[in-house]
Amino acid sequence: MKSFTALIVIAAILAVHVVTAQNPCSGNKQPTCFCTYDYKPVCGSNGKTYSNLCGLNCQKKCDKDLKVASEGICGS
């Protein structure tokens, strides 16, 4: 019984480690996305300007509530 409990504890620790390692938003890391360099700025609901819709959608991996506020540079 003790070995089964130890196995469960180890499995839980490994599961937490794997989930944490897969988070693209931990610390100061930015999510990895492959976007073109086309400059068609969009303003996000967070007040930041993204170079294109792909850039905004990439950031949505970390901020699920992020939406397009308007096309163009924020504040213009």
C-alpha atoms as a PDB file:
ATOM      1  CA  MET A   1       0.000   0.000   0.000  1.00  0.00           C
ATOM      2  CA  LYS A   2       2.857   2.396   0.816  1.00  0.00           C
ATOM      3  CA  SER A   3       4.471   1.828  -2.577  1.00  0.00           C
ATOM      4  CA  PHE A   4       1.149   2.536  -4.316  1.00  0.00           C
ATOM      5  CA  THR A   5       0.776   5.811  -2.398  1.00  0.00           C
ATOM      6  CA  ALA A   6       4.341   6.787  -3.263  1.00  0.00           C
ATOM      7  CA  LEU A   7       3.666   6.008  -6.924  1.00  0.00           C
ATOM      8  CA  ILE A   8       0.558   8.219  -6.898  1.00  0.00           C
ATOM      9  CA  VAL A   9       2.490  11.091  -5.293  1.00  0.00           C
ATOM     10  CA  ILE A  10       5.293  10.828  -7.865  1.00  0.00           C
ATOM     11  CA  ALA A  11       2.787  10.698 -10.732  1.00  0.00           C
ATOM     12  CA  ALA A  12       1.034  13.812  -9.399  1.00  0.00           C
ATOM     13  CA  ILE A  13       4.322  15.720  -9.119  1.00  0.00           C
ATOM     14  CA  LEU A  14       5.279  14.772 -12.677  1.00  0.00           C
ATOM     15  CA  ALA A  15       1.849  15.767 -13.993  1.00  0.00           C
ATOM     16  CA  VAL A  16       2.114  19.212 -12.384  1.00  0.00           C
ATOM     17  CA  HIS A  17       5.630  19.628 -13.780  1.00  0.00           C
ATOM     18  CA  VAL A  18       4.512  18.758 -17.325  1.00  0.00           C
ATOM     19  CA  VAL A  19       1.540  21.138 -17.206  1.00  0.00           C
ATOM     20  CA  THR A  20       3.739  23.944 -15.864  1.00  0.00           C
ATOM     21  CA  ALA A  21       6.386  23.347 -18.533  1.00  0.00           C
ATOM     22  CA  GLN A  22       3.774  23.611 -21.300  1.00  0.00           C
ATOM     23  CA  ASN A  23       2.534  27.047 -20.224  1.00  0.00           C
ATOM     24  CA  PRO A  24       3.830  29.527 -22.840  1.00  0.00           C
ATOM     25  CA  CYS A  25       2.966  32.467 -20.606  1.00  0.00           C
ATOM     26  CA  SER A  26       4.906  31.723 -17.439  1.00  0.00           C
ATOM     27  CA  GLY A  27       7.351  34.351 -16.275  1.00  0.00           C
ATOM     28  CA  ASN A  28       8.228  36.918 -18.928  1.00  0.00           C
ATOM     29  CA  LYS A  29       7.970  34.455 -21.797  1.00  0.00           C
ATOM     30  CA  GLN A  30       5.899  35.254 -24.843  1.00  0.00           C
ATOM     31  CA  PRO A  31       3.953  32.569 -26.683  1.00  0.00           C
ATOM     32  CA  THR A  32       5.614  31.124 -29.770  1.00  0.00           C
ATOM     33  CA  CYS A  33       3.709  31.900 -32.947  1.00  0.00           C
ATOM     34  CA  PHE A  34       4.633  32.076 -36.592  1.00  0.00           C
ATOM     35  CA  CYS A  35       3.219  35.297 -38.018  1.00  0.00           C
ATOM     36  CA  THR A  36       4.077  37.206 -41.173  1.00  0.00           C
ATOM     37  CA  TYR A  37       5.670  40.631 -41.015  1.00  0.00           C
ATOM     38  CA  ASP A  38       2.708  42.266 -42.787  1.00  0.00           C
ATOM     39  CA  TYR A  39       2.020  45.573 -41.072  1.00  0.00           C
ATOM     40  CA  LYS A  40      -1.728  45.901 -40.656  1.00  0.00           C
ATOM     41  CA  PRO A  41      -1.955  47.201 -37.084  1.00  0.00           C
ATOM     42  CA  VAL A  42      -4.816  46.317 -34.794  1.00  0.00           C
ATOM     43  CA  CYS A  43      -5.579  47.726 -31.366  1.00  0.00           C
ATOM     44  CA  GLY A  44      -6.205  45.173 -28.657  1.00  0.00           C
ATOM     45  CA  SER A  45      -8.727  45.516 -25.862  1.00  0.00           C
ATOM     46  CA  ASN A  46      -5.700  45.794 -23.531  1.00  0.00           C
ATOM     47  CA  GLY A  47      -4.673  49.086 -25.173  1.00  0.00           C
ATOM     48  CA  LYS A  48      -1.653  47.599 -26.967  1.00  0.00           C
ATOM     49  CA  THR A  49      -1.068  47.857 -30.702  1.00  0.00           C
ATOM     50  CA  TYR A  50      -0.229  44.609 -32.502  1.00  0.00           C
ATOM     51  CA  SER A  51       1.438  44.631 -35.911  1.00  0.00           C
ATOM     52  CA  ASN A  52      -1.311  42.422 -37.335  1.00  0.00           C
ATOM     53  CA  LEU A  53      -4.202  40.178 -36.352  1.00  0.00           C
ATOM     54  CA  CYS A  54      -1.899  37.164 -36.097  1.00  0.00           C
ATOM     55  CA  GLY A  55       0.148  38.931 -33.422  1.00  0.00           C
ATOM     56  CA  LEU A  56      -2.978  39.679 -31.410  1.00  0.00           C
ATOM     57  CA  ASN A  57      -4.246  36.116 -31.793  1.00  0.00           C
ATOM     58  CA  CYS A  58      -0.859  34.856 -30.627  1.00  0.00           C
ATOM     59  CA  GLN A  59      -1.113  36.939 -27.453  1.00  0.00           C
ATOM     60  CA  LYS A  60      -4.568  35.433 -26.857  1.00  0.00           C
ATOM     61  CA  LYS A  61      -2.755  32.239 -25.832  1.00  0.00           C
ATOM     62  CA  CYS A  62      -1.839  34.120 -22.658  1.00  0.00           C
ATOM     63  CA  ASP A  63      -4.823  36.468 -22.408  1.00  0.00           C
ATOM     64  CA  LYS A  64      -8.016  34.607 -23.285  1.00  0.00           C
ATOM     65  CA  ASP A  65     -10.136  37.768 -22.886  1.00  0.00           C
ATOM     66  CA  LEU A  66      -8.115  39.773 -25.439  1.00  0.00           C
ATOM     67  CA  LYS A  67     -10.178  41.093 -28.352  1.00  0.00           C
ATOM     68  CA  VAL A  68      -9.717  43.487 -31.252  1.00  0.00           C
ATOM     69  CA  ALA A  69     -10.819  46.924 -30.056  1.00  0.00           C
ATOM     70  CA  SER A  70     -10.272  48.583 -33.442  1.00  0.00           C
ATOM     71  CA  GLU A  71      -8.275  48.384 -36.624  1.00  0.00           C
ATOM     72  CA  GLY A  72      -5.206  50.593 -36.697  1.00  0.00           C
ATOM     73  CA  ILE A  73      -2.896  51.927 -34.006  1.00  0.00           C
ATOM     74  CA  CYS A  74      -4.344  52.336 -30.512  1.00  0.00           C
ATOM     75  CA  GLY A  75      -5.220  55.927 -29.663  1.00  0.00           C
ATOM     76  CA  SER A  76      -5.312  57.176 -33.233  1.00  0.00           C
END
